[in-house]
Amino acid sequence: DNAKNTVYLQMNSLKPEDTAVYYCNAKLSVLDYWG
């Protein structure tokens, strides 16, 4: 959502193997940022 400057990840039908720490990433050329 560009207006809200927000990215979403909708996760359905979750499985035990989806268990993890999830990180947001922004990348542009040599620029690389992490949450």
PDB file of all heavy atoms in Angstrom:
ATOM      1  N   ASP A   1       0.870  -1.161   0.000  1.00  0.00           N
ATOM      2  CA  ASP A   1       0.000   0.000   0.000  1.00  0.00           C
ATOM      3  C   ASP A   1       0.913   1.218   0.000  1.00  0.00           C
ATOM      4  O   ASP A   1       1.464   1.591   1.038  1.00  0.00           O
ATOM      5  CB  ASP A   1      -0.923  -0.001   1.215  1.00  0.00           C
ATOM      6  CG  ASP A   1      -1.963   1.106   1.164  1.00  0.00           C
ATOM      7  OD1 ASP A   1      -1.693   2.175   0.594  1.00  0.00           O
ATOM      8  OD2 ASP A   1      -3.065   0.903   1.708  1.00  0.00           O
ATOM      9  N   ASN A   2       1.084   1.816  -1.171  1.00  0.00           N
ATOM     10  CA  ASN A   2       2.010   2.937  -1.291  1.00  0.00           C
ATOM     11  C   ASN A   2       1.590   4.132  -0.438  1.00  0.00           C
ATOM     12  O   ASN A   2       2.436   4.832   0.122  1.00  0.00           O
ATOM     13  CB  ASN A   2       2.134   3.368  -2.751  1.00  0.00           C
ATOM     14  CG  ASN A   2       2.869   2.354  -3.604  1.00  0.00           C
ATOM     15  OD1 ASN A   2       3.460   1.396  -3.091  1.00  0.00           O
ATOM     16  ND2 ASN A   2       2.849   2.559  -4.910  1.00  0.00           N
ATOM     17  N   ALA A   3       0.292   4.362  -0.351  1.00  0.00           N
ATOM     18  CA  ALA A   3      -0.199   5.495   0.421  1.00  0.00           C
ATOM     19  C   ALA A   3       0.134   5.346   1.900  1.00  0.00           C
ATOM     20  O   ALA A   3       0.395   6.332   2.589  1.00  0.00           O
ATOM     21  CB  ALA A   3      -1.702   5.663   0.225  1.00  0.00           C
ATOM     22  N   LYS A   4       0.120   4.112   2.392  1.00  0.00           N
ATOM     23  CA  LYS A   4       0.420   3.855   3.793  1.00  0.00           C
ATOM     24  C   LYS A   4       1.878   3.473   4.029  1.00  0.00           C
ATOM     25  O   LYS A   4       2.270   3.247   5.171  1.00  0.00           O
ATOM     26  CB  LYS A   4      -0.479   2.744   4.327  1.00  0.00           C
ATOM     27  CG  LYS A   4      -1.952   3.098   4.358  1.00  0.00           C
ATOM     28  CD  LYS A   4      -2.771   1.962   4.944  1.00  0.00           C
ATOM     29  CE  LYS A   4      -4.235   2.325   5.015  1.00  0.00           C
ATOM     30  NZ  LYS A   4      -5.049   1.217   5.576  1.00  0.00           N
ATOM     31  N   ASN A   5       2.646   3.388   2.949  1.00  0.00           N
ATOM     32  CA  ASN A   5       4.050   2.990   3.045  1.00  0.00           C
ATOM     33  C   ASN A   5       4.202   1.674   3.800  1.00  0.00           C
ATOM     34  O   ASN A   5       5.095   1.517   4.639  1.00  0.00           O
ATOM     35  CB  ASN A   5       4.875   4.086   3.726  1.00  0.00           C
ATOM     36  CG  ASN A   5       4.896   5.377   2.942  1.00  0.00           C
ATOM     37  OD1 ASN A   5       5.103   5.354   1.728  1.00  0.00           O
ATOM     38  ND2 ASN A   5       4.705   6.492   3.619  1.00  0.00           N
ATOM     39  N   THR A   6       3.348   0.732   3.466  1.00  0.00           N
ATOM     40  CA  THR A   6       3.281  -0.523   4.192  1.00  0.00           C
ATOM     41  C   THR A   6       3.224  -1.705   3.229  1.00  0.00           C
ATOM     42  O   THR A   6       2.555  -1.634   2.194  1.00  0.00           O
ATOM     43  CB  THR A   6       2.061  -0.557   5.119  1.00  0.00           C
ATOM     44  OG1 THR A   6       2.147   0.524   6.055  1.00  0.00           O
ATOM     45  CG2 THR A   6       2.001  -1.865   5.896  1.00  0.00           C
ATOM     46  N   VAL A   7       3.919  -2.758   3.581  1.00  0.00           N
ATOM     47  CA  VAL A   7       3.894  -4.015   2.845  1.00  0.00           C
ATOM     48  C   VAL A   7       3.279  -5.077   3.739  1.00  0.00           C
ATOM     49  O   VAL A   7       3.533  -5.108   4.947  1.00  0.00           O
ATOM     50  CB  VAL A   7       5.301  -4.430   2.405  1.00  0.00           C
ATOM     51  CG1 VAL A   7       5.288  -5.814   1.763  1.00  0.00           C
ATOM     52  CG2 VAL A   7       5.864  -3.415   1.425  1.00  0.00           C
ATOM     53  N   TYR A   8       2.487  -5.959   3.142  1.00  0.00           N
ATOM     54  CA  TYR A   8       1.793  -6.990   3.891  1.00  0.00           C
ATOM     55  C   TYR A   8       2.159  -8.372   3.380  1.00  0.00           C
ATOM     56  O   TYR A   8       2.524  -8.555   2.222  1.00  0.00           O
ATOM     57  CB  TYR A   8       0.274  -6.820   3.778  1.00  0.00           C
ATOM     58  CG  TYR A   8      -0.234  -5.469   4.201  1.00  0.00           C
ATOM     59  CD1 TYR A   8      -0.443  -4.463   3.267  1.00  0.00           C
ATOM     60  CD2 TYR A   8      -0.499  -5.197   5.537  1.00  0.00           C
ATOM     61  CE1 TYR A   8      -0.907  -3.223   3.652  1.00  0.00           C
ATOM     62  CE2 TYR A   8      -0.962  -3.959   5.933  1.00  0.00           C
ATOM     63  CZ  TYR A   8      -1.169  -2.969   4.986  1.00  0.00           C
ATOM     64  OH  TYR A   8      -1.632  -1.742   5.379  1.00  0.00           O
ATOM     65  N   LEU A   9       2.026  -9.329   4.255  1.00  0.00           N
ATOM     66  CA  LEU A   9       2.132 -10.723   3.873  1.00  0.00           C
ATOM     67  C   LEU A   9       0.939 -11.454   4.473  1.00  0.00           C
ATOM     68  O   LEU A   9       0.877 -11.658   5.683  1.00  0.00           O
ATOM     69  CB  LEU A   9       3.432 -11.358   4.359  1.00  0.00           C
ATOM     70  CG  LEU A   9       3.653 -12.810   3.928  1.00  0.00           C
ATOM     71  CD1 LEU A   9       3.843 -12.897   2.413  1.00  0.00           C
ATOM     72  CD2 LEU A   9       4.851 -13.416   4.652  1.00  0.00           C
ATOM     73  N   GLN A  10      -0.015 -11.802   3.621  1.00  0.00           N
ATOM     74  CA  GLN A  10      -1.164 -12.577   4.051  1.00  0.00           C
ATOM     75  C   GLN A  10      -0.796 -14.048   3.985  1.00  0.00           C
ATOM     76  O   GLN A  10      -0.439 -14.548   2.919  1.00  0.00           O
ATOM     77  CB  GLN A  10      -2.372 -12.289   3.164  1.00  0.00           C
ATOM     78  CG  GLN A  10      -3.616 -13.089   3.522  1.00  0.00           C
ATOM     79  CD  GLN A  10      -4.170 -12.727   4.876  1.00  0.00           C
ATOM     80  OE1 GLN A  10      -4.306 -11.551   5.193  1.00  0.00           O
ATOM     81  NE2 GLN A  10      -4.483 -13.729   5.683  1.00  0.00           N
ATOM     82  N   MET A  11      -0.897 -14.734   5.103  1.00  0.00           N
ATOM     83  CA  MET A  11      -0.513 -16.131   5.198  1.00  0.00           C
ATOM     84  C   MET A  11      -1.740 -16.961   5.545  1.00  0.00           C
ATOM     85  O   MET A  11      -2.332 -16.788   6.614  1.00  0.00           O
ATOM     86  CB  MET A  11       0.574 -16.323   6.250  1.00  0.00           C
ATOM     87  CG  MET A  11       1.810 -15.465   6.014  1.00  0.00           C
ATOM     88  SD  MET A  11       3.133 -15.802   7.202  1.00  0.00           S
ATOM     89  CE  MET A  11       2.346 -15.220   8.708  1.00  0.00           C
ATOM     90  N   ASN A  12      -2.114 -17.843   4.642  1.00  0.00           N
ATOM     91  CA  ASN A  12      -3.247 -18.732   4.840  1.00  0.00           C
ATOM     92  C   ASN A  12      -2.778 -20.174   4.862  1.00  0.00           C
ATOM     93  O   ASN A  12      -1.682 -20.499   4.418  1.00  0.00           O
ATOM     94  CB  ASN A  12      -4.281 -18.542   3.730  1.00  0.00           C
ATOM     95  CG  ASN A  12      -4.852 -17.146   3.671  1.00  0.00           C
ATOM     96  OD1 ASN A  12      -5.023 -16.488   4.694  1.00  0.00           O
ATOM     97  ND2 ASN A  12      -5.171 -16.686   2.465  1.00  0.00           N
ATOM     98  N   SER A  13      -3.638 -21.035   5.357  1.00  0.00           N
ATOM     99  CA  SER A  13      -3.340 -22.469   5.414  1.00  0.00           C
ATOM    100  C   SER A  13      -1.969 -22.728   6.017  1.00  0.00           C
ATOM    101  O   SER A  13      -1.158 -23.486   5.477  1.00  0.00           O
ATOM    102  CB  SER A  13      -3.431 -23.084   4.011  1.00  0.00           C
ATOM    103  OG  SER A  13      -4.706 -22.881   3.442  1.00  0.00           O
ATOM    104  N   LEU A  14      -1.722 -22.123   7.134  1.00  0.00           N
ATOM    105  CA  LEU A  14      -0.404 -22.201   7.754  1.00  0.00           C
ATOM    106  C   LEU A  14      -0.074 -23.616   8.215  1.00  0.00           C
ATOM    107  O   LEU A  14      -0.948 -24.357   8.672  1.00  0.00           O
ATOM    108  CB  LEU A  14      -0.318 -21.234   8.921  1.00  0.00           C
ATOM    109  CG  LEU A  14      -0.135 -19.770   8.507  1.00  0.00           C
ATOM    110  CD1 LEU A  14      -0.494 -18.842   9.656  1.00  0.00           C
ATOM    111  CD2 LEU A  14       1.299 -19.530   8.053  1.00  0.00           C
ATOM    112  N   LYS A  15       1.190 -23.946   8.079  1.00  0.00           N
ATOM    113  CA  LYS A  15       1.705 -25.255   8.453  1.00  0.00           C
ATOM    114  C   LYS A  15       2.759 -25.101   9.541  1.00  0.00           C
ATOM    115  O   LYS A  15       3.383 -24.047   9.657  1.00  0.00           O
ATOM    116  CB  LYS A  15       2.329 -25.954   7.239  1.00  0.00           C
ATOM    117  CG  LYS A  15       1.412 -26.084   6.035  1.00  0.00           C
ATOM    118  CD  LYS A  15       2.169 -26.657   4.847  1.00  0.00           C
ATOM    119  CE  LYS A  15       1.276 -26.780   3.632  1.00  0.00           C
ATOM    120  NZ  LYS A  15       2.020 -27.324   2.460  1.00  0.00           N
ATOM    121  N   PRO A  16       2.993 -26.142  10.326  1.00  0.00           N
ATOM    122  CA  PRO A  16       4.043 -26.058  11.348  1.00  0.00           C
ATOM    123  C   PRO A  16       5.404 -25.667  10.782  1.00  0.00           C
ATOM    124  O   PRO A  16       6.164 -24.960  11.456  1.00  0.00           O
ATOM    125  CB  PRO A  16       4.072 -27.470  11.939  1.00  0.00           C
ATOM    126  CG  PRO A  16       2.673 -27.965  11.759  1.00  0.00           C
ATOM    127  CD  PRO A  16       2.234 -27.401  10.427  1.00  0.00           C
ATOM    128  N   GLU A  17       5.707 -26.092   9.564  1.00  0.00           N
ATOM    129  CA  GLU A  17       6.986 -25.748   8.959  1.00  0.00           C
ATOM    130  C   GLU A  17       7.104 -24.280   8.564  1.00  0.00           C
ATOM    131  O   GLU A  17       8.172 -23.831   8.153  1.00  0.00           O
ATOM    132  CB  GLU A  17       7.284 -26.640   7.741  1.00  0.00           C
ATOM    133  CG  GLU A  17       6.144 -26.723   6.749  1.00  0.00           C
ATOM    134  CD  GLU A  17       5.287 -27.957   6.945  1.00  0.00           C
ATOM    135  OE1 GLU A  17       4.941 -28.262   8.108  1.00  0.00           O
ATOM    136  OE2 GLU A  17       4.962 -28.627   5.947  1.00  0.00           O
ATOM    137  N   ASP A  18       6.010 -23.519   8.673  1.00  0.00           N
ATOM    138  CA  ASP A  18       6.072 -22.083   8.464  1.00  0.00           C
ATOM    139  C   ASP A  18       6.595 -21.349   9.690  1.00  0.00           C
ATOM    140  O   ASP A  18       6.825 -20.137   9.631  1.00  0.00           O
ATOM    141  CB  ASP A  18       4.694 -21.530   8.094  1.00  0.00           C
ATOM    142  CG  ASP A  18       4.189 -22.040   6.759  1.00  0.00           C
ATOM    143  OD1 ASP A  18       4.986 -22.118   5.802  1.00  0.00           O
ATOM    144  OD2 ASP A  18       2.983 -22.351   6.668  1.00  0.00           O
ATOM    145  N   THR A  19       6.756 -22.053  10.780  1.00  0.00           N
ATOM    146  CA  THR A  19       7.260 -21.445  12.001  1.00  0.00           C
ATOM    147  C   THR A  19       8.652 -20.873  11.777  1.00  0.00           C
ATOM    148  O   THR A  19       9.566 -21.578  11.344  1.00  0.00           O
ATOM    149  CB  THR A  19       7.295 -22.471  13.137  1.00  0.00           C
ATOM    150  OG1 THR A  19       5.964 -22.886  13.438  1.00  0.00           O
ATOM    151  CG2 THR A  19       7.916 -21.870  14.390  1.00  0.00           C
ATOM    152  N   ALA A  20       8.808 -19.591  12.058  1.00  0.00           N
ATOM    153  CA  ALA A  20      10.075 -18.912  11.827  1.00  0.00           C
ATOM    154  C   ALA A  20       9.955 -17.471  12.288  1.00  0.00           C
ATOM    155  O   ALA A  20       8.867 -16.988  12.600  1.00  0.00           O
ATOM    156  CB  ALA A  20      10.450 -18.950  10.342  1.00  0.00           C
ATOM    157  N   VAL A  21      11.082 -16.795  12.307  1.00  0.00           N
ATOM    158  CA  VAL A  21      11.082 -15.355  12.446  1.00  0.00           C
ATOM    159  C   VAL A  21      11.014 -14.766  11.050  1.00  0.00           C
ATOM    160  O   VAL A  21      11.819 -15.111  10.189  1.00  0.00           O
ATOM    161  CB  VAL A  21      12.334 -14.840  13.182  1.00  0.00           C
ATOM    162  CG1 VAL A  21      12.329 -13.317  13.246  1.00  0.00           C
ATOM    163  CG2 VAL A  21      12.404 -15.434  14.578  1.00  0.00           C
ATOM    164  N   TYR A  22      10.054 -13.897  10.826  1.00  0.00           N
ATOM    165  CA  TYR A  22       9.844 -13.291   9.525  1.00  0.00           C
ATOM    166  C   TYR A  22      10.389 -11.874   9.511  1.00  0.00           C
ATOM    167  O   TYR A  22      10.104 -11.075  10.408  1.00  0.00           O
ATOM    168  CB  TYR A  22       8.355 -13.287   9.172  1.00  0.00           C
ATOM    169  CG  TYR A  22       7.841 -14.643   8.767  1.00  0.00           C
ATOM    170  CD1 TYR A  22       7.703 -15.661   9.705  1.00  0.00           C
ATOM    171  CD2 TYR A  22       7.504 -14.918   7.439  1.00  0.00           C
ATOM    172  CE1 TYR A  22       7.254 -16.919   9.332  1.00  0.00           C
ATOM    173  CE2 TYR A  22       7.046 -16.166   7.060  1.00  0.00           C
ATOM    174  CZ  TYR A  22       6.926 -17.162   8.012  1.00  0.00           C
ATOM    175  OH  TYR A  22       6.469 -18.410   7.637  1.00  0.00           O
ATOM    176  N   TYR A  23      11.156 -11.566   8.470  1.00  0.00           N
ATOM    177  CA  TYR A  23      11.820 -10.280   8.347  1.00  0.00           C
ATOM    178  C   TYR A  23      11.350  -9.536   7.109  1.00  0.00           C
ATOM    179  O   TYR A  23      11.207 -10.127   6.034  1.00  0.00           O
ATOM    180  CB  TYR A  23      13.333 -10.454   8.250  1.00  0.00           C
ATOM    181  CG  TYR A  23      13.968 -11.109   9.445  1.00  0.00           C
ATOM    182  CD1 TYR A  23      14.116 -12.493   9.506  1.00  0.00           C
ATOM    183  CD2 TYR A  23      14.428 -10.352  10.516  1.00  0.00           C
ATOM    184  CE1 TYR A  23      14.702 -13.100  10.600  1.00  0.00           C
ATOM    185  CE2 TYR A  23      15.016 -10.950  11.608  1.00  0.00           C
ATOM    186  CZ  TYR A  23      15.148 -12.325  11.641  1.00  0.00           C
ATOM    187  OH  TYR A  23      15.734 -12.916  12.728  1.00  0.00           O
ATOM    188  N   CYS A  24      11.156  -8.253   7.251  1.00  0.00           N
ATOM    189  CA  CYS A  24      10.851  -7.380   6.133  1.00  0.00           C
ATOM    190  C   CYS A  24      12.149  -6.837   5.559  1.00  0.00           C
ATOM    191  O   CYS A  24      13.075  -6.496   6.301  1.00  0.00           O
ATOM    192  CB  CYS A  24       9.952  -6.238   6.600  1.00  0.00           C
ATOM    193  SG  CYS A  24       9.449  -5.103   5.299  1.00  0.00           S
ATOM    194  N   ASN A  25      12.213  -6.751   4.240  1.00  0.00           N
ATOM    195  CA  ASN A  25      13.411  -6.288   3.560  1.00  0.00           C
ATOM    196  C   ASN A  25      13.067  -5.270   2.489  1.00  0.00           C
ATOM    197  O   ASN A  25      12.077  -5.418   1.777  1.00  0.00           O
ATOM    198  CB  ASN A  25      14.144  -7.479   2.936  1.00  0.00           C
ATOM    199  CG  ASN A  25      15.269  -7.059   2.003  1.00  0.00           C
ATOM    200  OD1 ASN A  25      15.131  -7.140   0.779  1.00  0.00           O
ATOM    201  ND2 ASN A  25      16.378  -6.632   2.578  1.00  0.00           N
ATOM    202  N   ALA A  26      13.889  -4.245   2.378  1.00  0.00           N
ATOM    203  CA  ALA A  26      13.778  -3.254   1.316  1.00  0.00           C
ATOM    204  C   ALA A  26      15.104  -3.192   0.584  1.00  0.00           C
ATOM    205  O   ALA A  26      16.151  -3.015   1.206  1.00  0.00           O
ATOM    206  CB  ALA A  26      13.416  -1.883   1.883  1.00  0.00           C
ATOM    207  N   LYS A  27      15.058  -3.328  -0.733  1.00  0.00           N
ATOM    208  CA  LYS A  27      16.278  -3.393  -1.522  1.00  0.00           C
ATOM    209  C   LYS A  27      16.171  -2.529  -2.767  1.00  0.00           C
ATOM    210  O   LYS A  27      15.162  -2.544  -3.471  1.00  0.00           O
ATOM    211  CB  LYS A  27      16.561  -4.842  -1.930  1.00  0.00           C
ATOM    212  CG  LYS A  27      17.896  -5.057  -2.588  1.00  0.00           C
ATOM    213  CD  LYS A  27      18.063  -6.503  -3.043  1.00  0.00           C
ATOM    214  CE  LYS A  27      17.931  -7.479  -1.891  1.00  0.00           C
ATOM    215  NZ  LYS A  27      19.059  -7.357  -0.935  1.00  0.00           N
ATOM    216  N   LEU A  28      17.229  -1.783  -3.022  1.00  0.00           N
ATOM    217  CA  LEU A  28      17.335  -0.983  -4.237  1.00  0.00           C
ATOM    218  C   LEU A  28      18.810  -0.821  -4.555  1.00  0.00           C
ATOM    219  O   LEU A  28      19.536  -0.123  -3.853  1.00  0.00           O
ATOM    220  CB  LEU A  28      16.658   0.388  -4.070  1.00  0.00           C
ATOM    221  CG  LEU A  28      16.710   1.306  -5.296  1.00  0.00           C
ATOM    222  CD1 LEU A  28      15.936   0.692  -6.452  1.00  0.00           C
ATOM    223  CD2 LEU A  28      16.167   2.681  -4.962  1.00  0.00           C
ATOM    224  N   SER A  29      19.245  -1.490  -5.623  1.00  0.00           N
ATOM    225  CA  SER A  29      20.648  -1.473  -6.014  1.00  0.00           C
ATOM    226  C   SER A  29      21.519  -1.928  -4.838  1.00  0.00           C
ATOM    227  O   SER A  29      21.343  -3.035  -4.336  1.00  0.00           O
ATOM    228  CB  SER A  29      21.025  -0.080  -6.501  1.00  0.00           C
ATOM    229  OG  SER A  29      22.340  -0.069  -7.037  1.00  0.00           O
ATOM    230  N   VAL A  30      22.430  -1.087  -4.382  1.00  0.00           N
ATOM    231  CA  VAL A  30      23.313  -1.450  -3.273  1.00  0.00           C
ATOM    232  C   VAL A  30      22.693  -1.198  -1.913  1.00  0.00           C
ATOM    233  O   VAL A  30      23.281  -1.551  -0.886  1.00  0.00           O
ATOM    234  CB  VAL A  30      24.654  -0.708  -3.373  1.00  0.00           C
ATOM    235  CG1 VAL A  30      25.379  -1.068  -4.655  1.00  0.00           C
ATOM    236  CG2 VAL A  30      24.446   0.798  -3.278  1.00  0.00           C
ATOM    237  N   LEU A  31      21.516  -0.591  -1.890  1.00  0.00           N
ATOM    238  CA  LEU A  31      20.838  -0.312  -0.635  1.00  0.00           C
ATOM    239  C   LEU A  31      20.043  -1.532  -0.194  1.00  0.00           C
ATOM    240  O   LEU A  31      19.311  -2.123  -0.974  1.00  0.00           O
ATOM    241  CB  LEU A  31      19.913   0.899  -0.781  1.00  0.00           C
ATOM    242  CG  LEU A  31      20.578   2.185  -1.250  1.00  0.00           C
ATOM    243  CD1 LEU A  31      19.539   3.280  -1.432  1.00  0.00           C
ATOM    244  CD2 LEU A  31      21.654   2.629  -0.276  1.00  0.00           C
ATOM    245  N   ASP A  32      20.180  -1.891   1.078  1.00  0.00           N
ATOM    246  CA  ASP A  32      19.572  -3.106   1.595  1.00  0.00           C
ATOM    247  C   ASP A  32      19.246  -2.899   3.072  1.00  0.00           C
ATOM    248  O   ASP A  32      20.158  -2.767   3.886  1.00  0.00           O
ATOM    249  CB  ASP A  32      20.544  -4.268   1.409  1.00  0.00           C
ATOM    250  CG  ASP A  32      19.897  -5.626   1.565  1.00  0.00           C
ATOM    251  OD1 ASP A  32      18.655  -5.690   1.662  1.00  0.00           O
ATOM    252  OD2 ASP A  32      20.637  -6.629   1.583  1.00  0.00           O
ATOM    253  N   TYR A  33      17.959  -2.889   3.397  1.00  0.00           N
ATOM    254  CA  TYR A  33      17.532  -2.607   4.761  1.00  0.00           C
ATOM    255  C   TYR A  33      16.668  -3.730   5.297  1.00  0.00           C
ATOM    256  O   TYR A  33      15.926  -4.372   4.558  1.00  0.00           O
ATOM    257  CB  TYR A  33      16.761  -1.283   4.819  1.00  0.00           C
ATOM    258  CG  TYR A  33      17.542  -0.104   4.308  1.00  0.00           C
ATOM    259  CD1 TYR A  33      17.335   0.381   3.018  1.00  0.00           C
ATOM    260  CD2 TYR A  33      18.490   0.526   5.107  1.00  0.00           C
ATOM    261  CE1 TYR A  33      18.055   1.461   2.541  1.00  0.00           C
ATOM    262  CE2 TYR A  33      19.216   1.605   4.626  1.00  0.00           C
ATOM    263  CZ  TYR A  33      18.996   2.068   3.352  1.00  0.00           C
ATOM    264  OH  TYR A  33      19.705   3.147   2.875  1.00  0.00           O
ATOM    265  N   TRP A  34      16.756  -3.937   6.608  1.00  0.00           N
ATOM    266  CA  TRP A  34      16.046  -5.021   7.267  1.00  0.00           C
ATOM    267  C   TRP A  34      15.325  -4.546   8.511  1.00  0.00           C
ATOM    268  O   TRP A  34      15.807  -3.667   9.229  1.00  0.00           O
ATOM    269  CB  TRP A  34      17.019  -6.136   7.670  1.00  0.00           C
ATOM    270  CG  TRP A  34      17.663  -6.814   6.512  1.00  0.00           C
ATOM    271  CD1 TRP A  34      18.810  -6.470   5.882  1.00  0.00           C
ATOM    272  CD2 TRP A  34      17.177  -7.980   5.840  1.00  0.00           C
ATOM    273  NE1 TRP A  34      19.086  -7.333   4.857  1.00  0.00           N
ATOM    274  CE2 TRP A  34      18.101  -8.272   4.811  1.00  0.00           C
ATOM    275  CE3 TRP A  34      16.066  -8.794   6.012  1.00  0.00           C
ATOM    276  CZ2 TRP A  34      17.929  -9.361   3.959  1.00  0.00           C
ATOM    277  CZ3 TRP A  34      15.896  -9.875   5.162  1.00  0.00           C
ATOM    278  CH2 TRP A  34      16.825 -10.139   4.150  1.00  0.00           C
ATOM    279  N   GLY A  35      14.180  -5.163   8.780  1.00  0.00           N
ATOM    280  CA  GLY A  35      13.505  -4.950  10.035  1.00  0.00           C
ATOM    281  C   GLY A  35      14.041  -5.885  11.100  1.00  0.00           C
ATOM    282  O   GLY A  35      14.943  -6.689  10.857  1.00  0.00           O
TER     283      GLY A  35
END
